[in-house]
Amino acid sequence: MRYFNLTSSLVLFAALFAVLGDTLVNLSSRWLKMDESYSHGFLVVGIVIYLILLEKEKLKNIVSSPSILAVIGLFVTTLLFSACQKLGIDVLEELFVPIIIWLAFTALFGWALGRILLTPLLFLYFAIPFWDYLAYPLQLLTVFINEYLFIIFSIDAVIEGVFVTLPGIGVFEVAHGCSGLRYLIVGLTITCLFAILNLRQWKYRILLVSIALVFSLAANWIRVFLLIFIGYKTNMTSSLIDDHEFFGWIIFALSLIPVFFIANRIQRIDNLSEVNLDTESVPAKSTMRTSLIALSFTVMGLMLPYAAFQLSTVSEGAQSSNFRPATLVGGWKKLAVNIGETSFSKMKGFSHKHINNYYDSSNNILSLNFYVYPAQSPGKELIQYSNKVIDNQRWNISRKENIEVNGAPFVLAELRGRDTDRLYLVLYSYYVSGSLYNDRVLAKLGGLKGLVNSRYDGSLILLSRSCDLSCEQAESSLRSLLRENVASLTSSIDSSLDL
């Protein structure tokens, strides 16, 4: 039976790799980027393996007791995973990976094994990039804390979003790398490992992790303040202003000293109480036939929903992009040469980028931008973390609202240049699988229509005009163009995709 269990495990590993292989490769490539927040990813995998090996005596005594409930959960989870993979929702796709692995082994061997694997596999979440969504709130929190520190130390500073201006000295940007996300993830990983290995009661584990969270964030607040203070005192001449990576890790390492001093105190308190943790019962032994059936159902629970989505995949070459400029009605004509500001976005992975100026009989001049993604795939999708419709490093959004023009949803945004201080008005919408959306989430989910109409394309449509005279006049001309040309804009994309 032990030989059969080993063989079953190898078959299950092969099925897991067939389903999760592409996602795991993408995660590995992220971990290999040593300048990002997830360069500790392979270390986390090592921690998972180490924690499982610590339970090797329990694993030897595990008796196979397959779970039909876990098989059902595996089927549903893999179905959701495959849908996210099809839509290119990387963060949800990656979040399902530890759950699928855990459910697969629980389905095959039972809940006794599931309880052993649960805690080690949860550590994988420290290496999955869903933490990126905390970066911007952490940036704002860092600025908020430093605003009070500036008052205490009498530093004259003007704060605008994540930008800190020292009048007459310079401007600091509390960017993604200054959010403290790396310190937070690493700090939580280290303290969670300590808590699992050395503390028995969950109340003490939660207490220690909460303390580590506060100290990890505080380390970043102090780091950012010290850099701004040094820039303030040296008139931005210190070498730390441009190269402060090592400086940050020193501050973080110092912040861990009190954390582990507290951890040792908590460990001593925890050891004073006797806790009976051996409550595990031994399941009934399964037969070879039952185990074989369980293996078959587990593999089918993995492969069937995944295969269903793979069969509906459209190859990238099936939708080509030979983009032609839109022909606008209402007296709008294309300028031979673009003038003024035409770039507001920070996009990558598109197959075609089209930017042109148009003018009407009243000499109203506006810009029309298209970013076309004929067959979206990982790294070549319209809605992804690195794509910014408004490049916030160059533009500050002073007003933003959702509007409808002839029933078509658009976003209206008023922008001010960070360098030029000029005002522009933009209207934009996402055109995904034949429908327009003014919301990123809805646009991402709109890709599900491709399962019905076989369209997996996505495009950004963006119109802009300067507010040199007034933003009211700019808005009026943009709305006027849209009222007459929404169908023309979408049909120009359709024709470029041979639809």
Protein backbone atom coordinates (compact mmCIF):
# COMPACT_ATOMS: atom_id res chain seq x y z
CA MET A 1 0.00 0.00 0.00
CA ARG A 2 2.89 2.35 0.77
CA TYR A 3 4.28 1.76 -2.73
CA PHE A 4 0.85 2.53 -4.18
CA ASN A 5 0.65 5.77 -2.15
CA LEU A 6 4.03 6.84 -3.51
CA THR A 7 2.96 6.08 -7.07
CA SER A 8 -0.33 7.91 -6.53
CA SER A 9 1.55 10.95 -5.23
CA LEU A 10 3.79 11.02 -8.32
CA VAL A 11 0.75 10.79 -10.62
CA LEU A 12 -0.91 13.60 -8.67
CA PHE A 13 2.22 15.75 -8.90
CA ALA A 14 2.25 15.24 -12.67
CA ALA A 15 -1.42 16.26 -12.94
CA LEU A 16 -0.80 19.33 -10.74
CA PHE A 17 2.13 20.40 -12.88
CA ALA A 18 0.07 20.00 -16.06
CA VAL A 19 -2.57 22.34 -14.64
CA LEU A 20 -0.42 24.75 -12.63
CA GLY A 21 2.80 24.64 -14.68
CA ASP A 22 2.41 27.95 -16.54
CA THR A 23 1.38 29.76 -13.36
CA LEU A 24 4.32 28.33 -11.42
CA VAL A 25 6.73 29.39 -14.17
CA ASN A 26 5.33 32.93 -14.05
CA LEU A 27 5.69 32.99 -10.26
CA SER A 28 9.27 31.73 -10.50
CA SER A 29 10.19 34.46 -12.97
CA ARG A 30 8.81 37.02 -10.51
CA TRP A 31 10.86 35.53 -7.67
CA LEU A 32 14.03 35.75 -9.79
CA LYS A 33 13.68 39.54 -10.03
CA MET A 34 15.92 40.37 -7.11
CA ASP A 35 14.94 44.05 -7.03
CA GLU A 36 11.26 43.38 -6.34
CA SER A 37 9.22 42.52 -3.23
CA TYR A 38 9.13 38.76 -3.94
CA SER A 39 12.79 37.81 -4.31
CA HIS A 40 12.33 35.68 -1.17
CA GLY A 41 9.94 33.36 -3.05
CA PHE A 42 12.27 30.37 -3.33
CA LEU A 43 13.14 30.75 0.36
CA VAL A 44 9.42 30.48 1.14
CA VAL A 45 9.22 27.26 -0.91
CA GLY A 46 12.15 25.95 1.16
CA ILE A 47 10.25 26.84 4.35
CA VAL A 48 7.20 24.93 3.11
CA ILE A 49 9.29 21.82 2.39
CA TYR A 50 11.06 22.12 5.77
CA LEU A 51 7.78 22.38 7.70
CA ILE A 52 6.39 19.33 5.90
CA LEU A 53 9.57 17.31 6.62
CA LEU A 54 9.22 18.16 10.31
CA GLU A 55 6.01 16.11 10.24
CA LYS A 56 7.59 13.09 8.56
CA GLU A 57 6.78 10.76 11.49
CA LYS A 58 3.10 11.70 11.26
CA LEU A 59 3.23 11.35 7.49
CA LYS A 60 4.52 7.77 7.81
CA ASN A 61 1.51 6.87 9.92
CA ILE A 62 -1.06 8.53 7.67
CA VAL A 63 -3.64 6.05 6.41
CA SER A 64 -5.28 6.89 3.09
CA SER A 65 -8.91 7.98 3.61
CA PRO A 66 -10.10 9.74 0.41
CA SER A 67 -12.61 12.59 0.69
CA ILE A 68 -15.37 13.10 -1.88
CA LEU A 69 -16.03 16.57 -0.40
CA ALA A 70 -12.43 17.58 -1.17
CA VAL A 71 -12.81 16.22 -4.74
CA ILE A 72 -15.84 18.47 -5.26
CA GLY A 73 -13.94 21.42 -3.81
CA LEU A 74 -11.00 20.63 -6.09
CA PHE A 75 -13.22 20.57 -9.17
CA VAL A 76 -14.84 23.93 -8.33
CA THR A 77 -11.53 25.57 -7.40
CA THR A 78 -9.80 24.36 -10.58
CA LEU A 79 -12.77 25.65 -12.59
CA LEU A 80 -12.36 29.11 -11.01
CA PHE A 81 -8.58 28.95 -11.49
CA SER A 82 -8.99 28.13 -15.20
CA ALA A 83 -11.49 30.96 -15.65
CA CYS A 84 -9.05 33.43 -14.06
CA GLN A 85 -6.25 32.09 -16.27
CA LYS A 86 -8.43 32.57 -19.34
CA LEU A 87 -9.31 36.13 -18.29
CA GLY A 88 -5.70 36.93 -17.36
CA ILE A 89 -6.58 37.73 -13.73
CA ASP A 90 -3.10 36.77 -12.56
CA VAL A 91 -3.54 37.63 -8.90
CA LEU A 92 -6.61 35.37 -8.44
CA GLU A 93 -5.06 32.65 -10.58
CA GLU A 94 -2.00 32.60 -8.31
CA LEU A 95 -4.09 32.75 -5.13
CA PHE A 96 -5.77 29.48 -6.11
CA VAL A 97 -2.45 27.58 -6.42
CA PRO A 98 -1.95 26.63 -2.72
CA ILE A 99 -5.66 25.80 -2.38
CA ILE A 100 -5.58 23.46 -5.39
CA ILE A 101 -2.45 21.68 -4.12
CA TRP A 102 -3.97 21.27 -0.65
CA LEU A 103 -7.36 20.04 -1.94
CA ALA A 104 -5.69 17.59 -4.36
CA PHE A 105 -3.76 15.78 -1.61
CA THR A 106 -6.66 16.02 0.82
CA ALA A 107 -8.98 14.50 -1.77
CA LEU A 108 -6.61 11.60 -2.36
CA PHE A 109 -5.39 10.86 1.19
CA GLY A 110 -7.99 12.44 3.47
CA TRP A 111 -8.35 15.20 6.06
CA ALA A 112 -5.65 13.82 8.35
CA LEU A 113 -3.05 14.67 5.72
CA GLY A 114 -4.90 17.90 4.91
CA ARG A 115 -4.49 19.10 8.51
CA ILE A 116 -0.73 18.43 8.35
CA LEU A 117 -0.26 20.20 4.99
CA LEU A 118 -2.50 23.19 5.72
CA THR A 119 -0.08 25.35 7.74
CA PRO A 120 3.00 24.75 5.54
CA LEU A 121 1.07 25.48 2.33
CA LEU A 122 -0.34 28.70 3.80
CA PHE A 123 3.25 30.00 3.84
CA LEU A 124 3.13 30.05 0.02
CA TYR A 125 0.94 33.15 0.27
CA PHE A 126 3.98 35.12 1.44
CA ALA A 127 5.44 34.55 -2.06
CA ILE A 128 2.32 35.31 -4.12
CA PRO A 129 2.12 38.89 -5.49
CA PHE A 130 -1.37 39.73 -4.22
CA TRP A 131 0.39 41.89 -1.61
CA ASP A 132 1.02 44.46 -4.36
CA TYR A 133 -2.49 45.79 -3.82
CA LEU A 134 -1.38 46.99 -0.37
CA ALA A 135 1.43 49.10 -1.85
CA TYR A 136 -0.53 52.27 -2.60
CA PRO A 137 -2.38 52.34 0.77
CA LEU A 138 0.98 51.76 2.48
CA GLN A 139 2.48 54.63 0.47
CA LEU A 140 -0.32 56.93 1.66
CA LEU A 141 0.06 55.70 5.25
CA THR A 142 3.81 56.37 5.12
CA VAL A 143 3.18 59.93 3.91
CA PHE A 144 0.49 60.42 6.59
CA ILE A 145 2.84 59.34 9.42
CA ASN A 146 5.70 61.43 8.06
CA GLU A 147 3.47 64.50 7.86
CA TYR A 148 3.30 64.48 11.67
CA LEU A 149 7.04 63.83 11.95
CA PHE A 150 7.69 66.90 9.78
CA ILE A 151 5.65 68.99 12.22
CA ILE A 152 7.52 67.60 15.23
CA PHE A 153 10.93 68.31 13.64
CA SER A 154 9.86 71.65 12.09
CA ILE A 155 10.43 70.58 8.47
CA ASP A 156 8.61 72.75 5.96
CA ALA A 157 7.00 70.37 3.44
CA VAL A 158 4.13 70.46 0.95
CA ILE A 159 2.39 67.09 0.52
CA GLU A 160 0.41 66.12 -2.58
CA GLY A 161 -0.60 62.46 -2.69
CA VAL A 162 2.64 60.47 -2.52
CA PHE A 163 4.82 63.48 -3.41
CA VAL A 164 6.61 65.45 -0.69
CA THR A 165 7.97 68.84 -1.79
CA LEU A 166 10.63 70.60 0.28
CA PRO A 167 10.36 74.23 -0.95
CA GLY A 168 13.61 75.44 -2.46
CA ILE A 169 15.22 72.00 -2.03
CA GLY A 170 13.50 69.31 -4.07
CA VAL A 171 10.73 66.75 -4.39
CA PHE A 172 10.56 63.25 -2.89
CA GLU A 173 8.23 60.60 -4.25
CA VAL A 174 7.14 57.93 -1.79
CA ALA A 175 7.02 55.39 -4.63
CA HIS A 176 6.04 51.72 -4.71
CA GLY A 177 9.47 50.71 -3.38
CA CYS A 178 9.07 53.15 -0.48
CA SER A 179 5.74 51.66 0.64
CA GLY A 180 7.49 49.24 3.02
CA LEU A 181 5.85 46.26 1.33
CA ARG A 182 9.09 44.26 1.15
CA TYR A 183 9.83 44.77 4.83
CA LEU A 184 6.25 43.89 5.76
CA ILE A 185 6.23 40.59 3.82
CA VAL A 186 9.69 39.51 4.98
CA GLY A 187 8.95 40.51 8.58
CA LEU A 188 5.69 38.56 8.63
CA THR A 189 7.34 35.52 7.00
CA ILE A 190 10.11 35.39 9.61
CA THR A 191 7.85 35.90 12.62
CA CYS A 192 5.21 33.46 11.37
CA LEU A 193 7.91 30.81 11.01
CA PHE A 194 9.14 31.54 14.55
CA ALA A 195 5.57 31.38 15.87
CA ILE A 196 4.79 28.04 14.19
CA LEU A 197 8.05 26.45 15.37
CA ASN A 198 8.16 27.82 18.92
CA LEU A 199 4.66 28.82 20.07
CA ARG A 200 1.81 26.39 20.68
CA GLN A 201 -1.15 28.62 21.46
CA TRP A 202 -2.74 30.61 18.64
CA LYS A 203 -3.39 33.65 20.82
CA TYR A 204 0.36 34.06 21.34
CA ARG A 205 1.09 33.44 17.67
CA ILE A 206 -1.39 36.14 16.63
CA LEU A 207 0.04 38.53 19.23
CA LEU A 208 3.60 38.08 17.96
CA VAL A 209 2.61 38.49 14.29
CA SER A 210 0.69 41.68 15.17
CA ILE A 211 3.75 43.10 16.92
CA ALA A 212 5.95 42.21 13.93
CA LEU A 213 3.50 43.92 11.58
CA VAL A 214 3.71 47.19 13.55
CA PHE A 215 7.51 47.13 13.79
CA SER A 216 7.94 46.28 10.09
CA LEU A 217 5.77 49.24 9.08
CA ALA A 218 7.46 51.52 11.61
CA ALA A 219 10.87 50.60 10.16
CA ASN A 220 9.78 51.93 6.78
CA TRP A 221 8.26 55.10 8.25
CA ILE A 222 11.55 55.83 10.03
CA ARG A 223 13.56 55.02 6.89
CA VAL A 224 11.55 57.41 4.71
CA PHE A 225 11.67 60.16 7.34
CA LEU A 226 15.44 59.82 7.75
CA LEU A 227 15.98 60.03 3.98
CA ILE A 228 13.83 63.16 3.70
CA PHE A 229 15.52 64.65 6.79
CA ILE A 230 18.96 63.94 5.32
CA GLY A 231 17.87 65.52 2.03
CA TYR A 232 16.54 68.53 3.95
CA LYS A 233 19.79 69.01 5.91
CA THR A 234 22.18 68.36 3.00
CA ASN A 235 20.17 70.20 0.33
CA MET A 236 19.76 66.88 -1.56
CA THR A 237 23.51 66.35 -1.89
CA SER A 238 23.81 63.15 0.20
CA SER A 239 24.55 59.95 -1.72
CA LEU A 240 21.80 58.20 0.27
CA ILE A 241 19.16 60.13 -1.68
CA ASP A 242 19.90 58.13 -4.83
CA ASP A 243 21.16 54.86 -3.32
CA HIS A 244 19.34 53.91 -0.11
CA GLU A 245 18.54 50.21 -0.59
CA PHE A 246 21.17 48.94 1.87
CA PHE A 247 20.32 51.73 4.30
CA GLY A 248 16.70 50.52 4.36
CA TRP A 249 17.65 46.92 5.16
CA ILE A 250 19.83 48.10 8.07
CA ILE A 251 16.86 49.97 9.55
CA PHE A 252 14.65 46.91 9.04
CA ALA A 253 17.21 44.56 10.67
CA LEU A 254 17.42 46.85 13.70
CA SER A 255 13.63 46.84 13.98
CA LEU A 256 13.65 43.03 14.30
CA ILE A 257 15.78 43.14 17.46
CA PRO A 258 12.93 44.25 19.77
CA VAL A 259 10.53 41.91 17.92
CA PHE A 260 12.58 38.82 18.78
CA PHE A 261 13.24 40.06 22.30
CA ILE A 262 9.45 40.17 22.75
CA ALA A 263 9.14 36.81 20.95
CA ASN A 264 11.41 35.14 23.52
CA ARG A 265 9.34 36.58 26.37
CA ILE A 266 6.12 35.32 24.77
CA GLN A 267 7.70 31.88 24.25
CA ARG A 268 8.53 31.60 27.96
CA ILE A 269 4.95 32.50 28.90
CA ASP A 270 3.59 30.03 26.35
CA ASN A 271 5.76 27.23 27.75
CA LEU A 272 4.31 27.71 31.24
CA SER A 273 0.94 26.38 30.12
CA GLU A 274 0.31 22.77 29.20
CA VAL A 275 -1.68 22.34 26.01
CA ASN A 276 -2.75 18.98 24.66
CA LEU A 277 -2.39 19.22 20.90
CA ASP A 278 -2.61 15.50 20.15
CA THR A 279 -6.28 15.28 19.25
CA GLU A 280 -5.89 13.58 15.90
CA SER A 281 -7.76 10.35 15.36
CA VAL A 282 -6.60 7.63 13.00
CA PRO A 283 -8.95 7.18 10.05
CA ALA A 284 -10.13 3.83 8.86
CA LYS A 285 -7.82 2.13 6.43
CA SER A 286 -8.89 2.26 2.80
CA THR A 287 -8.60 -0.58 0.33
CA MET A 288 -6.46 -0.57 -2.81
CA ARG A 289 -9.62 -0.35 -4.91
CA THR A 290 -10.91 2.68 -2.96
CA SER A 291 -7.55 4.42 -3.31
CA LEU A 292 -7.46 3.77 -7.05
CA ILE A 293 -10.94 5.21 -7.47
CA ALA A 294 -9.93 8.20 -5.34
CA LEU A 295 -6.87 8.81 -7.53
CA SER A 296 -9.02 8.67 -10.67
CA PHE A 297 -11.59 11.13 -9.32
CA THR A 298 -8.89 13.47 -7.98
CA VAL A 299 -7.07 13.62 -11.32
CA MET A 300 -10.38 14.13 -13.15
CA GLY A 301 -11.30 16.89 -10.68
CA LEU A 302 -8.07 18.60 -11.70
CA MET A 303 -7.96 17.95 -15.43
CA LEU A 304 -11.60 18.18 -16.60
CA PRO A 305 -12.31 21.85 -15.72
CA TYR A 306 -8.83 22.85 -16.89
CA ALA A 307 -9.23 21.01 -20.21
CA ALA A 308 -12.66 22.58 -20.78
CA PHE A 309 -11.13 26.06 -20.77
CA GLN A 310 -8.10 24.99 -22.80
CA LEU A 311 -10.30 23.68 -25.60
CA SER A 312 -11.91 27.11 -25.92
CA THR A 313 -8.55 28.86 -26.24
CA VAL A 314 -8.09 30.95 -29.38
CA SER A 315 -4.57 31.12 -30.73
CA GLU A 316 -3.01 34.56 -30.89
CA GLY A 317 -2.70 34.33 -34.62
CA ALA A 318 -6.44 33.80 -35.02
CA GLN A 319 -7.06 37.48 -34.42
CA SER A 320 -4.63 39.69 -36.27
CA SER A 321 -4.33 43.43 -35.88
CA ASN A 322 -3.83 45.64 -38.93
CA PHE A 323 -5.12 48.84 -37.37
CA ARG A 324 -6.46 51.64 -39.55
CA PRO A 325 -7.28 55.12 -38.21
CA ALA A 326 -10.92 55.75 -37.39
CA THR A 327 -12.97 57.79 -39.85
CA LEU A 328 -14.89 60.31 -37.76
CA VAL A 329 -18.14 62.00 -38.69
CA GLY A 330 -19.35 65.45 -37.66
CA GLY A 331 -16.72 67.44 -39.53
CA TRP A 332 -13.71 65.97 -37.69
CA LYS A 333 -10.59 65.56 -39.80
CA LYS A 334 -7.19 64.06 -39.02
CA LEU A 335 -4.20 66.38 -38.69
CA ALA A 336 -1.20 65.39 -40.76
CA VAL A 337 1.14 65.97 -37.78
CA ASN A 338 0.31 65.58 -34.10
CA ILE A 339 0.75 68.67 -31.94
CA GLY A 340 0.70 69.24 -28.18
CA GLU A 341 0.53 66.56 -25.51
CA THR A 342 -0.75 63.21 -26.77
CA SER A 343 0.55 60.67 -24.26
CA PHE A 344 -1.23 60.14 -20.96
CA SER A 345 -0.97 56.39 -20.41
CA LYS A 346 1.70 53.90 -19.42
CA MET A 347 0.85 50.68 -21.26
CA LYS A 348 2.74 47.57 -22.35
CA GLY A 349 2.01 44.32 -24.18
CA PHE A 350 -0.19 45.88 -26.88
CA SER A 351 0.12 44.86 -30.52
CA HIS A 352 -0.74 48.29 -31.86
CA LYS A 353 -0.68 51.83 -30.56
CA HIS A 354 -2.45 54.51 -32.57
CA ILE A 355 -2.36 58.22 -31.66
CA ASN A 356 -3.71 60.97 -33.91
CA ASN A 357 -4.91 64.56 -33.61
CA TYR A 358 -8.26 65.58 -35.10
CA TYR A 359 -9.78 69.02 -35.70
CA ASP A 360 -13.23 70.35 -36.62
CA SER A 361 -14.53 73.42 -38.46
CA SER A 362 -14.20 75.49 -35.27
CA ASN A 363 -10.52 74.54 -34.96
CA ASN A 364 -11.13 72.43 -31.88
CA ILE A 365 -8.15 70.07 -31.69
CA LEU A 366 -8.19 66.84 -29.73
CA SER A 367 -6.19 63.64 -29.53
CA LEU A 368 -7.49 60.10 -30.03
CA ASN A 369 -5.48 57.16 -28.60
CA PHE A 370 -5.97 53.44 -29.21
CA TYR A 371 -4.07 50.59 -27.53
CA VAL A 372 -5.08 47.29 -29.15
CA TYR A 373 -4.64 43.77 -27.72
CA PRO A 374 -5.97 41.35 -30.42
CA ALA A 375 -5.82 38.12 -28.36
CA GLN A 376 -5.10 38.76 -24.72
CA SER A 377 -2.66 36.44 -22.98
CA PRO A 378 -0.38 36.69 -19.91
CA GLY A 379 1.81 39.78 -20.32
CA LYS A 380 -0.22 40.89 -23.34
CA GLU A 381 -3.46 41.89 -21.69
CA LEU A 382 -5.27 45.19 -21.43
CA ILE A 383 -5.97 45.06 -17.69
CA GLN A 384 -2.79 44.19 -15.85
CA TYR A 385 -0.99 45.54 -12.81
CA SER A 386 1.70 47.43 -14.73
CA ASN A 387 -0.72 49.11 -17.16
CA LYS A 388 -1.80 52.60 -16.12
CA VAL A 389 -4.44 54.43 -18.16
CA ILE A 390 -3.22 57.60 -16.44
CA ASP A 391 0.52 57.66 -15.77
CA ASN A 392 0.49 59.07 -12.23
CA GLN A 393 4.21 59.80 -12.35
CA ARG A 394 3.50 62.45 -14.98
CA TRP A 395 -0.11 63.43 -14.23
CA ASN A 396 -2.09 64.32 -11.16
CA ILE A 397 -5.84 63.53 -11.33
CA SER A 398 -7.79 66.50 -9.96
CA ARG A 399 -11.26 65.22 -10.96
CA LYS A 400 -12.60 61.85 -12.02
CA GLU A 401 -16.12 60.55 -12.67
CA ASN A 402 -17.99 57.90 -14.62
CA ILE A 403 -20.25 59.21 -17.40
CA GLU A 404 -22.37 57.87 -20.23
CA VAL A 405 -22.49 59.30 -23.75
CA ASN A 406 -25.34 57.90 -25.85
CA GLY A 407 -25.42 54.93 -23.47
CA ALA A 408 -21.69 54.23 -23.84
CA PRO A 409 -19.76 54.14 -20.51
CA PHE A 410 -16.66 56.35 -20.26
CA VAL A 411 -14.44 57.76 -17.53
CA LEU A 412 -13.95 61.53 -17.47
CA ALA A 413 -10.75 62.73 -15.79
CA GLU A 414 -9.20 66.16 -15.38
CA LEU A 415 -5.40 66.01 -15.31
CA ARG A 416 -2.69 68.44 -14.30
CA GLY A 417 0.88 67.87 -15.46
CA ARG A 418 3.33 67.41 -12.59
CA ASP A 419 6.09 69.10 -14.58
CA THR A 420 4.18 71.50 -16.86
CA ASP A 421 1.18 72.30 -14.60
CA ARG A 422 -1.03 72.34 -17.73
CA LEU A 423 -4.62 71.10 -17.54
CA TYR A 424 -6.04 68.40 -19.82
CA LEU A 425 -9.35 66.62 -19.98
CA VAL A 426 -9.51 62.95 -21.01
CA LEU A 427 -12.33 60.52 -21.70
CA TYR A 428 -11.53 56.83 -21.86
CA SER A 429 -13.22 53.43 -21.99
CA TYR A 430 -12.19 49.76 -22.15
CA TYR A 431 -13.45 47.85 -25.21
CA VAL A 432 -13.35 44.15 -24.29
CA SER A 433 -14.87 41.25 -26.25
CA GLY A 434 -17.19 43.61 -28.12
CA SER A 435 -18.46 45.70 -25.15
CA LEU A 436 -17.46 49.03 -23.58
CA TYR A 437 -16.69 49.37 -19.85
CA ASN A 438 -15.64 52.28 -17.64
CA ASP A 439 -14.53 50.04 -14.76
CA ARG A 440 -11.34 47.95 -14.67
CA VAL A 441 -12.92 45.06 -12.79
CA LEU A 442 -15.96 44.87 -15.04
CA ALA A 443 -13.70 45.10 -18.10
CA LYS A 444 -11.63 42.19 -16.80
CA LEU A 445 -14.71 40.08 -16.13
CA GLY A 446 -16.11 41.12 -19.51
CA GLY A 447 -13.53 38.83 -21.07
CA LEU A 448 -15.77 35.93 -20.06
CA LYS A 449 -17.93 36.84 -23.06
CA GLY A 450 -15.15 35.36 -25.14
CA LEU A 451 -16.31 31.91 -24.06
CA VAL A 452 -19.53 32.66 -25.96
CA ASN A 453 -18.49 34.90 -28.86
CA SER A 454 -14.84 33.67 -29.20
CA ARG A 455 -13.52 37.22 -28.83
CA TYR A 456 -10.58 37.62 -26.45
CA ASP A 457 -9.53 41.08 -27.60
CA GLY A 458 -9.22 44.18 -25.47
CA SER A 459 -8.55 47.81 -26.35
CA LEU A 460 -8.23 51.15 -24.63
CA ILE A 461 -9.98 54.11 -26.29
CA LEU A 462 -8.84 57.48 -24.94
CA LEU A 463 -9.71 60.99 -26.11
CA SER A 464 -8.04 64.10 -24.75
CA ARG A 465 -8.07 67.86 -25.12
CA SER A 466 -6.20 70.72 -23.52
CA CYS A 467 -8.07 73.00 -21.11
CA ASP A 468 -6.21 76.10 -22.36
CA LEU A 469 -9.48 78.02 -22.72
CA SER A 470 -11.63 76.14 -20.22
CA CYS A 471 -12.24 72.55 -19.19
CA GLU A 472 -15.97 73.11 -19.78
CA GLN A 473 -15.31 73.84 -23.46
CA ALA A 474 -12.92 70.88 -23.69
CA GLU A 475 -15.54 68.57 -22.16
CA SER A 476 -18.22 69.87 -24.52
CA SER A 477 -16.12 69.15 -27.63
CA LEU A 478 -15.12 65.67 -26.39
CA ARG A 479 -18.71 64.76 -25.62
CA SER A 480 -19.80 66.12 -28.99
CA LEU A 481 -17.32 63.91 -30.81
CA LEU A 482 -18.36 60.85 -28.82
CA ARG A 483 -22.08 61.36 -29.39
CA GLU A 484 -21.55 60.99 -33.13
CA ASN A 485 -18.62 58.60 -33.24
CA VAL A 486 -18.86 55.89 -30.55
CA ALA A 487 -19.88 53.32 -33.18
CA SER A 488 -17.11 54.50 -35.49
CA LEU A 489 -14.48 54.09 -32.76
CA THR A 490 -15.50 50.53 -31.90
CA SER A 491 -15.97 49.50 -35.54
CA SER A 492 -12.44 50.67 -36.37
CA ILE A 493 -11.18 48.18 -33.78
CA ASP A 494 -13.49 45.45 -35.06
CA SER A 495 -12.34 45.92 -38.62
CA SER A 496 -8.69 45.78 -37.57
CA LEU A 497 -9.42 42.38 -36.00
CA ASP A 498 -11.24 41.21 -39.15
CA LEU A 499 -14.50 40.90 -37.19
